[in-house]
């Protein structure tokens, strides 16, 4: 199953279930920071917009 969502995510593990918490963040600012690092592929910034 594939879930794509352009929000940050973290998981809280409970004894009987996993709780996924999604929070909005500034994707443009984050992508710009990734693009500013020459050693990183621009693809890493672009994938944020797809929720990957």
Protein backbone atom coordinates (compact mmCIF):
# COMPACT_ATOMS: atom_id res chain seq x y z
CA UNK A 1 0.00 0.00 0.00
CA UNK A 2 1.39 3.38 -0.96
CA UNK A 3 0.50 6.60 0.83
CA UNK A 4 1.75 9.85 -0.62
CA UNK A 5 1.25 12.98 1.39
CA UNK A 6 3.37 16.11 1.20
CA UNK A 7 3.49 16.58 4.97
CA UNK A 8 6.08 15.52 7.53
CA UNK A 9 5.24 12.31 9.35
CA UNK A 10 6.22 10.52 12.50
CA UNK A 11 4.87 7.37 14.13
CA UNK A 12 3.92 6.63 17.71
CA UNK A 13 4.03 2.91 18.43
CA UNK A 14 1.39 1.74 20.87
CA UNK A 15 1.22 -1.83 22.20
CA UNK A 16 -1.72 -2.59 19.89
CA UNK A 17 -1.29 -0.21 16.95
CA UNK A 18 0.85 2.32 15.11
CA UNK A 19 -0.36 5.94 15.07
CA UNK A 20 0.83 8.02 12.12
CA UNK A 21 0.97 11.77 12.80
CA UNK A 22 1.25 14.10 9.82
CA UNK A 23 2.16 17.75 10.19
CA UNK A 24 2.46 20.51 7.59
CA UNK A 25 5.82 22.10 6.92
CA UNK A 26 7.32 24.57 4.47
CA UNK A 27 8.20 22.28 1.58
CA UNK A 28 9.60 25.13 -0.55
CA UNK A 29 12.07 26.18 2.16
CA UNK A 30 13.14 22.59 2.77
CA UNK A 31 13.56 21.89 -0.96
CA UNK A 32 15.61 25.09 -1.35
CA UNK A 33 17.93 23.97 1.46
CA UNK A 34 18.42 20.59 -0.20
CA UNK A 35 19.15 22.22 -3.58
CA UNK A 36 21.72 24.50 -1.90
CA UNK A 37 23.88 21.48 -0.99
CA UNK A 38 25.89 20.55 -4.09
CA UNK A 39 26.53 17.00 -2.89
CA UNK A 40 22.79 16.22 -2.89
CA UNK A 41 20.82 15.34 -5.97
CA UNK A 42 18.08 17.84 -6.93
CA UNK A 43 15.78 14.82 -7.13
CA UNK A 44 15.80 14.69 -3.32
CA UNK A 45 14.17 18.13 -3.25
CA UNK A 46 11.65 17.36 -6.00
CA UNK A 47 10.42 14.18 -4.34
CA UNK A 48 9.20 16.18 -1.35
CA UNK A 49 6.41 17.63 -3.48
CA UNK A 50 5.19 14.09 -4.21
CA UNK A 51 5.23 13.10 -0.57
CA UNK A 52 8.10 10.66 -1.08
